[in-house]
Structure formats: C-alpha cells, structure tokens
Amino acid sequence: MSKKDMEQSKAEVEEQTANETIETQENTASEEQMELSVEEKLQIELDKEKDKFLRLFAEFENYKRRTAKERIDNMKTANKEVMLVMLPVLDDFDRALVEIAKSEDKEVLKGVELIHGKFKNTLQQKGLELMEVIAGTTFDAEIHDAITQIPAPTEDLKGKIVDVIEKGYKLGDKVIRHPKVVVGQ
C-alpha cells in the first residue's frame, strides 16, 4: 500500500469514526427525546386521570348534597298527602262553626269549637300554615287562584281581591292549596 492510500484509508477511518460518534450522539439525543416524550405522554395521561378523578369526586359530592337536600325536603313534606285529605275536613269544621254559632245551642258550639281548635293545632304542629288573604289586597297569580272576575264594587278594588271563597294553606315553604278568590274587574 502506498502512503497515499494509507492516508486516504486513515482519513476514511477517522471520518467513519466521526460519523459513528455523531450517530451515537444523535441516537442518544433521540433516545432522550423519546424518553422525554414517553415521560411527557405519561405526564399528560396522569393529568387526564387526575382531572377525571377530580370531576368524579366533585360529581359525587354534588350527588351527596342533592340527595341530602331531597331527603330533608321529603321529610318536611312527607305529610302532604295526609294534609290534602284533611283540608276538606277542616273546611267543614269552619262551616259547622258558623252554622252552630247561628243556633242558640251554646253547649254544642263550645264542644265543636274545642274539637276544631284541637284539630287545627294538631295540623299546625305538623307544619300546616294558613295563608292569610284579605279582601282588598292585590291579586297575585303565583299565590292566588282566581275563580271568577266581577265588576269591582269600587274603583280602588280593580285588580284586587274582592272575596275569598276557599282558604289557602302551606306545608313548610310549599303551597299545597292555593286560596280561591274573586277578583274585581
């Protein structure tokens, strides 16, 4: 081999060594990038799972709060059906008191008043409240149930309640029977 060939082959070996070094460095860099990208992928996946967990936890907390509120509301209005059935009986007692007061039998009036008071107090202890509606107050469709409209007896009764036909009642915060009223036109 000539000197020139030896130098050329030496240069080729050095070049090949340099190329291998560069390739090794590139491979190491690409492996690090792959590792970083795998780490990044894992981090992204972890963040997604954390987010999913937090959302699920928040949803469960909302569910617990909602069911607790519903349970409390159900306890407050558990007597609603019984109260609705008893309201006509209470109305009958009110009418009976008016009729008996017209008669001269004061002993019967005392007895009916006593029973009426006891019945009314028992219903109030269970949460029943009378809705106070007075003739002359402004009609509110959210609260009152208009049976009919009549010409207003006076100018100031237009759009206001002229007469209360049937009393309204609330159980807790909920209206279980709207008062039936006559409205002036």
N, C-alpha and C. Protein backbone atom coordinates (compact mmCIF):
# COMPACT_ATOMS: atom_id res chain seq x y z
N MET A 1 0.81 -1.16 0.00
CA MET A 1 0.00 0.00 0.00
C MET A 1 0.87 1.24 0.00
N SER A 2 0.40 2.11 -0.72
CA SER A 2 1.18 3.33 -0.83
C SER A 2 0.83 4.24 0.32
N LYS A 3 1.67 5.23 0.45
CA LYS A 3 1.50 6.18 1.52
C LYS A 3 0.22 6.95 1.31
N LYS A 4 -0.08 7.24 0.11
CA LYS A 4 -1.29 7.98 -0.22
C LYS A 4 -2.52 7.14 0.12
N ASP A 5 -2.50 5.90 -0.18
CA ASP A 5 -3.62 5.01 0.11
C ASP A 5 -3.79 4.88 1.63
N MET A 6 -2.69 4.84 2.32
CA MET A 6 -2.76 4.72 3.78
C MET A 6 -3.35 5.98 4.40
N GLU A 7 -2.97 7.11 3.91
CA GLU A 7 -3.51 8.36 4.42
C GLU A 7 -5.00 8.45 4.10
N GLN A 8 -5.32 7.99 2.90
CA GLN A 8 -6.72 8.03 2.50
C GLN A 8 -7.54 7.08 3.36
N SER A 9 -7.06 5.91 3.61
CA SER A 9 -7.80 4.96 4.44
C SER A 9 -7.83 5.45 5.88
N LYS A 10 -6.76 6.12 6.35
CA LYS A 10 -6.73 6.69 7.70
C LYS A 10 -7.78 7.79 7.79
N ALA A 11 -7.89 8.60 6.77
CA ALA A 11 -8.87 9.67 6.73
C ALA A 11 -10.28 9.08 6.71
N GLU A 12 -10.44 7.99 5.95
CA GLU A 12 -11.74 7.33 5.90
C GLU A 12 -12.12 6.77 7.26
N VAL A 13 -11.17 6.19 7.95
CA VAL A 13 -11.42 5.61 9.29
C VAL A 13 -11.78 6.73 10.26
N GLU A 14 -11.04 7.85 10.18
CA GLU A 14 -11.34 8.97 11.07
C GLU A 14 -12.72 9.54 10.76
N GLU A 15 -13.03 9.63 9.48
CA GLU A 15 -14.34 10.13 9.08
C GLU A 15 -15.44 9.19 9.55
N GLN A 16 -15.17 7.89 9.36
CA GLN A 16 -16.16 6.89 9.79
C GLN A 16 -16.32 6.95 11.30
N THR A 17 -15.25 7.13 12.02
CA THR A 17 -15.31 7.23 13.48
C THR A 17 -16.08 8.48 13.88
N ALA A 18 -15.82 9.57 13.18
CA ALA A 18 -16.53 10.82 13.47
C ALA A 18 -18.02 10.64 13.18
N ASN A 19 -18.34 9.99 12.06
CA ASN A 19 -19.74 9.75 11.72
C ASN A 19 -20.43 8.88 12.77
N GLU A 20 -19.69 7.83 13.21
CA GLU A 20 -20.25 6.95 14.24
C GLU A 20 -20.47 7.71 15.53
N THR A 21 -19.55 8.61 15.86
CA THR A 21 -19.68 9.41 17.08
C THR A 21 -20.91 10.31 16.97
N ILE A 22 -21.05 10.95 15.81
CA ILE A 22 -22.20 11.82 15.59
C ILE A 22 -23.49 11.01 15.64
N GLU A 23 -23.49 9.82 15.00
CA GLU A 23 -24.68 8.96 15.02
C GLU A 23 -24.99 8.54 16.45
N THR A 24 -23.97 8.20 17.20
CA THR A 24 -24.16 7.79 18.59
C THR A 24 -24.76 8.94 19.39
N GLN A 25 -24.19 10.14 19.18
CA GLN A 25 -24.73 11.30 19.88
C GLN A 25 -26.19 11.56 19.46
N GLU A 26 -26.46 11.44 18.16
CA GLU A 26 -27.82 11.65 17.68
C GLU A 26 -28.76 10.59 18.24
N ASN A 27 -28.28 9.32 18.26
CA ASN A 27 -29.10 8.24 18.80
C ASN A 27 -29.39 8.48 20.29
N THR A 28 -28.35 8.91 21.00
CA THR A 28 -28.52 9.19 22.42
C THR A 28 -29.51 10.33 22.59
N ALA A 29 -29.36 11.37 21.75
CA ALA A 29 -30.28 12.51 21.83
C ALA A 29 -31.70 12.08 21.48
N SER A 30 -31.85 11.28 20.42
CA SER A 30 -33.19 10.85 20.03
C SER A 30 -33.78 9.92 21.08
N GLU A 31 -32.94 9.09 21.73
CA GLU A 31 -33.44 8.23 22.81
C GLU A 31 -33.90 9.09 23.97
N GLU A 32 -33.14 10.15 24.28
CA GLU A 32 -33.55 11.06 25.35
C GLU A 32 -34.85 11.75 24.99
N GLN A 33 -34.96 12.16 23.71
CA GLN A 33 -36.20 12.77 23.27
C GLN A 33 -37.35 11.77 23.36
N MET A 34 -37.08 10.54 22.99
CA MET A 34 -38.13 9.52 23.09
C MET A 34 -38.50 9.31 24.54
N GLU A 35 -37.48 9.27 25.42
CA GLU A 35 -37.76 9.11 26.83
C GLU A 35 -38.55 10.31 27.34
N LEU A 36 -38.14 11.49 26.94
CA LEU A 36 -38.87 12.68 27.35
C LEU A 36 -40.29 12.65 26.80
N SER A 37 -40.42 12.25 25.58
CA SER A 37 -41.76 12.20 25.02
C SER A 37 -42.59 11.13 25.71
N VAL A 38 -41.98 10.02 26.10
CA VAL A 38 -42.69 9.00 26.86
C VAL A 38 -43.07 9.57 28.24
N GLU A 39 -42.12 10.27 28.86
CA GLU A 39 -42.41 10.90 30.14
C GLU A 39 -43.51 11.95 29.99
N GLU A 40 -43.41 12.72 28.91
CA GLU A 40 -44.45 13.72 28.67
C GLU A 40 -45.80 13.05 28.45
N LYS A 41 -45.79 11.95 27.69
CA LYS A 41 -47.03 11.22 27.46
C LYS A 41 -47.60 10.71 28.78
N LEU A 42 -46.73 10.18 29.61
CA LEU A 42 -47.18 9.68 30.91
C LEU A 42 -47.70 10.83 31.77
N GLN A 43 -47.02 11.99 31.71
CA GLN A 43 -47.47 13.14 32.48
C GLN A 43 -48.84 13.61 32.00
N ILE A 44 -49.04 13.65 30.70
CA ILE A 44 -50.32 14.05 30.13
C ILE A 44 -51.41 13.07 30.55
N GLU A 45 -51.08 11.78 30.49
CA GLU A 45 -52.04 10.75 30.88
C GLU A 45 -52.38 10.88 32.37
N LEU A 46 -51.34 11.15 33.18
CA LEU A 46 -51.55 11.34 34.61
C LEU A 46 -52.45 12.55 34.87
N ASP A 47 -52.22 13.65 34.15
CA ASP A 47 -53.04 14.84 34.30
C ASP A 47 -54.49 14.56 33.92
N LYS A 48 -54.69 13.78 32.85
CA LYS A 48 -56.05 13.43 32.45
C LYS A 48 -56.74 12.61 33.53
N GLU A 49 -56.03 11.65 34.09
CA GLU A 49 -56.61 10.81 35.13
C GLU A 49 -56.92 11.63 36.39
N LYS A 50 -56.02 12.57 36.72
CA LYS A 50 -56.28 13.44 37.87
C LYS A 50 -57.54 14.27 37.63
N ASP A 51 -57.65 14.82 36.43
CA ASP A 51 -58.82 15.62 36.08
C ASP A 51 -60.10 14.79 36.16
N LYS A 52 -60.02 13.58 35.61
CA LYS A 52 -61.17 12.68 35.64
C LYS A 52 -61.56 12.35 37.09
N PHE A 53 -60.56 12.11 37.93
CA PHE A 53 -60.80 11.81 39.33
C PHE A 53 -61.45 13.00 40.04
N LEU A 54 -60.90 14.21 39.79
CA LEU A 54 -61.46 15.40 40.44
C LEU A 54 -62.90 15.65 40.01
N ARG A 55 -63.18 15.45 38.73
CA ARG A 55 -64.55 15.63 38.25
C ARG A 55 -65.49 14.60 38.87
N LEU A 56 -65.04 13.36 38.95
CA LEU A 56 -65.85 12.31 39.55
C LEU A 56 -66.10 12.60 41.02
N PHE A 57 -65.06 13.06 41.71
CA PHE A 57 -65.19 13.39 43.13
C PHE A 57 -66.17 14.54 43.32
N ALA A 58 -66.07 15.59 42.48
CA ALA A 58 -66.98 16.73 42.57
C ALA A 58 -68.41 16.29 42.27
N GLU A 59 -68.57 15.44 41.28
CA GLU A 59 -69.90 14.94 40.93
C GLU A 59 -70.50 14.15 42.09
N PHE A 60 -69.69 13.36 42.75
CA PHE A 60 -70.16 12.58 43.89
C PHE A 60 -70.56 13.50 45.06
N GLU A 61 -69.75 14.54 45.30
CA GLU A 61 -70.08 15.49 46.36
C GLU A 61 -71.40 16.19 46.06
N ASN A 62 -71.60 16.59 44.79
CA ASN A 62 -72.87 17.21 44.40
C ASN A 62 -74.03 16.25 44.59
N TYR A 63 -73.82 14.99 44.25
CA TYR A 63 -74.85 13.96 44.43
C TYR A 63 -75.21 13.83 45.92
N LYS A 64 -74.20 13.80 46.78
CA LYS A 64 -74.46 13.68 48.21
C LYS A 64 -75.26 14.88 48.73
N ARG A 65 -74.86 16.09 48.31
CA ARG A 65 -75.57 17.28 48.73
C ARG A 65 -77.01 17.29 48.23
N ARG A 66 -77.19 16.92 46.95
CA ARG A 66 -78.52 16.92 46.36
C ARG A 66 -79.44 15.92 47.05
N THR A 67 -78.94 14.71 47.31
CA THR A 67 -79.78 13.70 47.96
C THR A 67 -80.09 14.08 49.40
N ALA A 68 -79.14 14.72 50.08
CA ALA A 68 -79.40 15.16 51.45
C ALA A 68 -80.49 16.23 51.45
N LYS A 69 -80.43 17.15 50.50
CA LYS A 69 -81.45 18.20 50.39
C LYS A 69 -82.81 17.59 50.06
N GLU A 70 -82.83 16.63 49.12
CA GLU A 70 -84.08 15.98 48.77
C GLU A 70 -84.66 15.23 49.96
N ARG A 71 -83.80 14.60 50.73
CA ARG A 71 -84.26 13.87 51.91
C ARG A 71 -84.89 14.82 52.92
N ILE A 72 -84.26 15.98 53.12
CA ILE A 72 -84.81 16.97 54.05
C ILE A 72 -86.14 17.50 53.54
N ASP A 73 -86.21 17.79 52.24
CA ASP A 73 -87.48 18.26 51.65
C ASP A 73 -88.57 17.22 51.78
N ASN A 74 -88.21 15.96 51.56
CA ASN A 74 -89.20 14.88 51.69
C ASN A 74 -89.70 14.75 53.12
N MET A 75 -88.80 14.95 54.07
CA MET A 75 -89.22 14.88 55.48
C MET A 75 -90.19 16.03 55.80
N LYS A 76 -89.90 17.21 55.24
CA LYS A 76 -90.77 18.36 55.50
C LYS A 76 -92.15 18.17 54.90
N THR A 77 -92.20 17.58 53.72
CA THR A 77 -93.48 17.45 53.02
C THR A 77 -94.00 16.02 53.00
N ALA A 78 -93.54 15.20 53.91
CA ALA A 78 -94.00 13.81 53.95
C ALA A 78 -95.48 13.73 54.27
N ASN A 79 -95.98 14.71 54.99
CA ASN A 79 -97.38 14.71 55.39
C ASN A 79 -98.29 15.35 54.36
N LYS A 80 -97.78 15.70 53.21
CA LYS A 80 -98.55 16.46 52.22
C LYS A 80 -99.85 15.74 51.85
N GLU A 81 -99.77 14.47 51.53
CA GLU A 81 -100.97 13.72 51.11
C GLU A 81 -102.00 13.68 52.23
N VAL A 82 -101.55 13.46 53.44
CA VAL A 82 -102.48 13.41 54.58
C VAL A 82 -103.11 14.78 54.79
N MET A 83 -102.29 15.82 54.68
CA MET A 83 -102.80 17.18 54.87
C MET A 83 -103.84 17.52 53.80
N LEU A 84 -103.58 17.15 52.57
CA LEU A 84 -104.53 17.44 51.49
C LEU A 84 -105.87 16.75 51.73
N VAL A 85 -105.84 15.57 52.31
CA VAL A 85 -107.08 14.85 52.61
C VAL A 85 -107.80 15.49 53.79
N MET A 86 -107.05 16.06 54.73
CA MET A 86 -107.65 16.63 55.94
C MET A 86 -108.18 18.06 55.73
N LEU A 87 -107.72 18.75 54.69
CA LEU A 87 -108.16 20.13 54.49
C LEU A 87 -109.68 20.26 54.29
N PRO A 88 -110.32 19.38 53.52
CA PRO A 88 -111.79 19.49 53.43
C PRO A 88 -112.49 19.29 54.78
N VAL A 89 -111.92 18.45 55.64
CA VAL A 89 -112.50 18.25 56.97
C VAL A 89 -112.38 19.53 57.78
N LEU A 90 -111.22 20.20 57.66
CA LEU A 90 -111.02 21.48 58.35
C LEU A 90 -112.00 22.53 57.83
N ASP A 91 -112.22 22.55 56.52
CA ASP A 91 -113.20 23.47 55.93
C ASP A 91 -114.61 23.19 56.46
N ASP A 92 -114.94 21.90 56.57
CA ASP A 92 -116.27 21.53 57.10
C ASP A 92 -116.42 21.99 58.54
N PHE A 93 -115.36 21.87 59.34
CA PHE A 93 -115.40 22.36 60.72
C PHE A 93 -115.65 23.87 60.74
N ASP A 94 -114.98 24.61 59.86
CA ASP A 94 -115.18 26.07 59.81
C ASP A 94 -116.62 26.40 59.48
N ARG A 95 -117.20 25.71 58.50
CA ARG A 95 -118.60 25.95 58.12
C ARG A 95 -119.55 25.55 59.25
N ALA A 96 -119.24 24.44 59.92
CA ALA A 96 -120.08 23.99 61.03
C ALA A 96 -120.08 25.02 62.17
N LEU A 97 -118.92 25.61 62.43
CA LEU A 97 -118.84 26.63 63.49
C LEU A 97 -119.72 27.83 63.16
N VAL A 98 -119.74 28.24 61.92
CA VAL A 98 -120.57 29.38 61.50
C VAL A 98 -122.05 29.03 61.69
N GLU A 99 -122.44 27.83 61.28
CA GLU A 99 -123.86 27.43 61.38
C GLU A 99 -124.29 27.24 62.84
N ILE A 100 -123.41 26.64 63.63
CA ILE A 100 -123.77 26.40 65.03
C ILE A 100 -123.82 27.72 65.79
N ALA A 101 -122.96 28.68 65.42
CA ALA A 101 -122.98 29.99 66.07
C ALA A 101 -124.32 30.69 65.85
N LYS A 102 -124.97 30.40 64.71
CA LYS A 102 -126.28 31.00 64.43
C LYS A 102 -127.37 30.40 65.32
N SER A 103 -127.19 29.15 65.73
CA SER A 103 -128.19 28.50 66.58
C SER A 103 -128.03 28.99 68.02
N GLU A 104 -128.96 28.57 68.85
CA GLU A 104 -128.95 29.01 70.24
C GLU A 104 -128.30 28.01 71.18
N ASP A 105 -127.82 26.89 70.65
CA ASP A 105 -127.24 25.85 71.49
C ASP A 105 -125.76 26.15 71.75
N LYS A 106 -125.50 26.81 72.86
CA LYS A 106 -124.14 27.24 73.19
C LYS A 106 -123.25 26.08 73.64
N GLU A 107 -123.85 25.05 74.22
CA GLU A 107 -123.07 23.89 74.66
C GLU A 107 -122.46 23.16 73.46
N VAL A 108 -123.25 22.97 72.42
CA VAL A 108 -122.75 22.31 71.21
C VAL A 108 -121.67 23.18 70.56
N LEU A 109 -121.88 24.50 70.55
CA LEU A 109 -120.89 25.41 69.98
C LEU A 109 -119.56 25.29 70.72
N LYS A 110 -119.58 25.22 72.05
CA LYS A 110 -118.34 25.07 72.82
C LYS A 110 -117.62 23.77 72.48
N GLY A 111 -118.38 22.69 72.37
CA GLY A 111 -117.79 21.39 72.05
C GLY A 111 -117.15 21.37 70.66
N VAL A 112 -117.88 21.92 69.69
CA VAL A 112 -117.35 21.95 68.32
C VAL A 112 -116.13 22.87 68.25
N GLU A 113 -116.17 24.00 68.95
CA GLU A 113 -115.01 24.90 68.99
C GLU A 113 -113.80 24.21 69.60
N LEU A 114 -114.03 23.43 70.65
CA LEU A 114 -112.94 22.71 71.31
C LEU A 114 -112.31 21.68 70.37
N ILE A 115 -113.16 20.90 69.69
CA ILE A 115 -112.66 19.90 68.75
C ILE A 115 -111.96 20.57 67.57
N HIS A 116 -112.55 21.64 67.06
CA HIS A 116 -111.97 22.39 65.94
C HIS A 116 -110.59 22.92 66.30
N GLY A 117 -110.48 23.51 67.49
CA GLY A 117 -109.19 24.06 67.94
C GLY A 117 -108.12 22.98 68.07
N LYS A 118 -108.52 21.86 68.64
CA LYS A 118 -107.57 20.75 68.81
C LYS A 118 -107.11 20.21 67.45
N PHE A 119 -108.06 20.04 66.54
CA PHE A 119 -107.75 19.54 65.20
C PHE A 119 -106.80 20.51 64.47
N LYS A 120 -107.15 21.80 64.55
CA LYS A 120 -106.35 22.83 63.88
C LYS A 120 -104.94 22.89 64.47
N ASN A 121 -104.81 22.82 65.78
CA ASN A 121 -103.49 22.85 66.43
C ASN A 121 -102.65 21.64 66.05
N THR A 122 -103.28 20.48 65.95
CA THR A 122 -102.55 19.28 65.55
C THR A 122 -101.99 19.42 64.15
N LEU A 123 -102.80 19.95 63.23
CA LEU A 123 -102.32 20.16 61.86
C LEU A 123 -101.21 21.20 61.81
N GLN A 124 -101.32 22.24 62.63
CA GLN A 124 -100.27 23.27 62.67
C GLN A 124 -98.97 22.72 63.22
N GLN A 125 -99.06 21.82 64.20
CA GLN A 125 -97.85 21.20 64.75
C GLN A 125 -97.13 20.36 63.70
N LYS A 126 -97.88 19.83 62.75
CA LYS A 126 -97.29 19.02 61.68
C LYS A 126 -96.81 19.89 60.51
N GLY A 127 -96.91 21.23 60.63
CA GLY A 127 -96.34 22.12 59.63
C GLY A 127 -97.34 22.84 58.74
N LEU A 128 -98.64 22.65 58.97
CA LEU A 128 -99.64 23.30 58.14
C LEU A 128 -99.78 24.77 58.56
N GLU A 129 -99.76 25.66 57.58
CA GLU A 129 -99.92 27.10 57.85
C GLU A 129 -101.04 27.65 56.98
N LEU A 130 -101.85 28.50 57.57
CA LEU A 130 -102.91 29.18 56.85
C LEU A 130 -102.30 30.35 56.10
N MET A 131 -102.66 30.50 54.83
CA MET A 131 -102.21 31.65 54.05
C MET A 131 -103.21 32.78 54.25
N GLU A 132 -102.77 33.85 54.86
CA GLU A 132 -103.65 34.98 55.15
C GLU A 132 -103.91 35.75 53.86
N VAL A 133 -105.18 35.76 53.44
CA VAL A 133 -105.59 36.52 52.26
C VAL A 133 -106.74 37.41 52.71
N ILE A 134 -106.56 38.70 52.51
CA ILE A 134 -107.56 39.67 52.95
C ILE A 134 -108.15 40.35 51.72
N ALA A 135 -109.46 40.56 51.75
CA ALA A 135 -110.12 41.27 50.66
C ALA A 135 -109.51 42.66 50.55
N GLY A 136 -109.21 43.06 49.32
CA GLY A 136 -108.61 44.37 49.09
C GLY A 136 -107.12 44.30 48.78
N THR A 137 -106.51 43.14 48.98
CA THR A 137 -105.09 43.00 48.63
C THR A 137 -104.96 42.75 47.13
N THR A 138 -103.81 43.04 46.60
CA THR A 138 -103.56 42.88 45.17
C THR A 138 -103.52 41.41 44.80
N PHE A 139 -104.15 41.09 43.68
CA PHE A 139 -104.19 39.71 43.19
C PHE A 139 -102.82 39.33 42.63
N ASP A 140 -102.34 38.16 43.03
CA ASP A 140 -101.07 37.62 42.54
C ASP A 140 -101.33 36.21 42.01
N ALA A 141 -101.14 36.02 40.71
CA ALA A 141 -101.44 34.74 40.08
C ALA A 141 -100.53 33.62 40.59
N GLU A 142 -99.37 33.97 41.13
CA GLU A 142 -98.45 32.96 41.67
C GLU A 142 -99.00 32.36 42.97
N ILE A 143 -99.72 33.16 43.70
CA ILE A 143 -100.19 32.74 45.04
C ILE A 143 -101.67 32.38 45.04
N HIS A 144 -102.47 33.19 44.35
CA HIS A 144 -103.93 33.04 44.40
C HIS A 144 -104.46 32.29 43.19
N ASP A 145 -105.62 31.70 43.38
CA ASP A 145 -106.33 31.00 42.30
C ASP A 145 -107.64 31.75 42.08
N ALA A 146 -107.75 32.47 40.95
CA ALA A 146 -108.94 33.28 40.68
C ALA A 146 -110.06 32.38 40.16
N ILE A 147 -111.16 32.36 40.88
CA ILE A 147 -112.32 31.58 40.48
C ILE A 147 -113.11 32.34 39.42
N THR A 148 -113.32 33.61 39.67
CA THR A 148 -114.08 34.43 38.74
C THR A 148 -113.69 35.89 38.89
N GLN A 149 -114.12 36.70 37.93
CA GLN A 149 -113.93 38.15 38.00
C GLN A 149 -115.30 38.79 37.98
N ILE A 150 -115.46 39.78 38.82
CA ILE A 150 -116.72 40.51 38.86
C ILE A 150 -116.40 41.99 38.70
N PRO A 151 -117.40 42.78 38.29
CA PRO A 151 -117.16 44.23 38.25
C PRO A 151 -116.82 44.72 39.65
N ALA A 152 -115.79 45.51 39.72
CA ALA A 152 -115.33 45.99 41.04
C ALA A 152 -116.38 46.89 41.67
N PRO A 153 -116.74 46.64 42.94
CA PRO A 153 -117.73 47.47 43.61
C PRO A 153 -117.28 48.93 43.73
N THR A 154 -115.98 49.12 43.91
CA THR A 154 -115.41 50.47 43.96
C THR A 154 -114.20 50.53 43.03
N GLU A 155 -113.80 51.73 42.70
CA GLU A 155 -112.69 51.92 41.77
C GLU A 155 -111.36 51.38 42.33
N ASP A 156 -111.18 51.47 43.64
CA ASP A 156 -109.92 51.02 44.24
C ASP A 156 -109.80 49.49 44.32
N LEU A 157 -110.85 48.73 44.03
CA LEU A 157 -110.79 47.26 44.07
C LEU A 157 -110.51 46.63 42.70
N LYS A 158 -110.25 47.44 41.69
CA LYS A 158 -109.93 46.88 40.36
C LYS A 158 -108.57 46.18 40.42
N GLY A 159 -108.56 44.91 39.99
CA GLY A 159 -107.33 44.11 40.01
C GLY A 159 -106.96 43.62 41.39
N LYS A 160 -107.89 43.78 42.33
CA LYS A 160 -107.64 43.33 43.70
C LYS A 160 -108.66 42.27 44.09
N ILE A 161 -108.38 41.62 45.19
CA ILE A 161 -109.25 40.55 45.68
C ILE A 161 -110.49 41.17 46.32
N VAL A 162 -111.66 40.71 45.85
CA VAL A 162 -112.92 41.19 46.40
C VAL A 162 -113.42 40.26 47.50
N ASP A 163 -113.28 38.94 47.28
CA ASP A 163 -113.77 37.97 48.26
C ASP A 163 -112.89 36.71 48.23
N VAL A 164 -112.79 36.04 49.38
CA VAL A 164 -112.05 34.79 49.49
C VAL A 164 -113.07 33.66 49.60
N ILE A 165 -113.07 32.75 48.63
CA ILE A 165 -114.02 31.65 48.60
C ILE A 165 -113.51 30.47 49.43
N GLU A 166 -112.24 30.14 49.27
CA GLU A 166 -111.65 29.00 49.98
C GLU A 166 -110.25 29.39 50.46
N LYS A 167 -109.94 29.05 51.69
CA LYS A 167 -108.64 29.40 52.28
C LYS A 167 -107.52 28.60 51.62
N GLY A 168 -106.34 29.19 51.61
CA GLY A 168 -105.16 28.50 51.10
C GLY A 168 -104.25 28.08 52.25
N TYR A 169 -103.48 27.03 52.00
CA TYR A 169 -102.60 26.50 53.04
C TYR A 169 -101.22 26.19 52.48
N LYS A 170 -100.23 26.30 53.37
CA LYS A 170 -98.85 25.96 53.04
C LYS A 170 -98.40 24.84 53.97
N LEU A 171 -97.53 24.01 53.47
CA LEU A 171 -96.88 22.99 54.29
C LEU A 171 -95.40 23.28 54.18
N GLY A 172 -94.85 23.84 55.24
CA GLY A 172 -93.46 24.30 55.17
C GLY A 172 -93.41 25.53 54.28
N ASP A 173 -92.59 25.47 53.24
CA ASP A 173 -92.47 26.59 52.29
C ASP A 173 -93.32 26.39 51.05
N LYS A 174 -93.91 25.21 50.89
CA LYS A 174 -94.65 24.90 49.67
C LYS A 174 -96.15 25.11 49.87
N VAL A 175 -96.76 25.71 48.86
CA VAL A 175 -98.21 25.90 48.87
C VAL A 175 -98.85 24.57 48.47
N ILE A 176 -99.70 24.03 49.35
CA ILE A 176 -100.35 22.76 49.00
C ILE A 176 -101.78 22.99 48.50
N ARG A 177 -102.34 24.17 48.85
CA ARG A 177 -103.63 24.54 48.29
C ARG A 177 -103.67 26.06 48.17
N HIS A 178 -103.86 26.53 46.95
CA HIS A 178 -103.93 27.98 46.70
C HIS A 178 -105.28 28.50 47.17
N PRO A 179 -105.29 29.72 47.72
CA PRO A 179 -106.59 30.29 48.11
C PRO A 179 -107.41 30.63 46.86
N LYS A 180 -108.68 30.30 46.88
CA LYS A 180 -109.58 30.58 45.76
C LYS A 180 -110.25 31.92 46.04
N VAL A 181 -110.10 32.85 45.09
CA VAL A 181 -110.57 34.21 45.32
C VAL A 181 -111.40 34.73 44.15
N VAL A 182 -112.14 35.80 44.43
CA VAL A 182 -112.87 36.53 43.41
C VAL A 182 -112.14 37.86 43.21
N VAL A 183 -111.90 38.20 41.95
CA VAL A 183 -111.12 39.39 41.63
C VAL A 183 -112.02 40.46 41.01
N GLY A 184 -111.78 41.70 41.39
CA GLY A 184 -112.54 42.83 40.83
C GLY A 184 -111.98 43.22 39.47
N GLN A 185 -112.90 43.57 38.55
CA GLN A 185 -112.50 43.91 37.17
C GLN A 185 -112.60 45.39 36.93
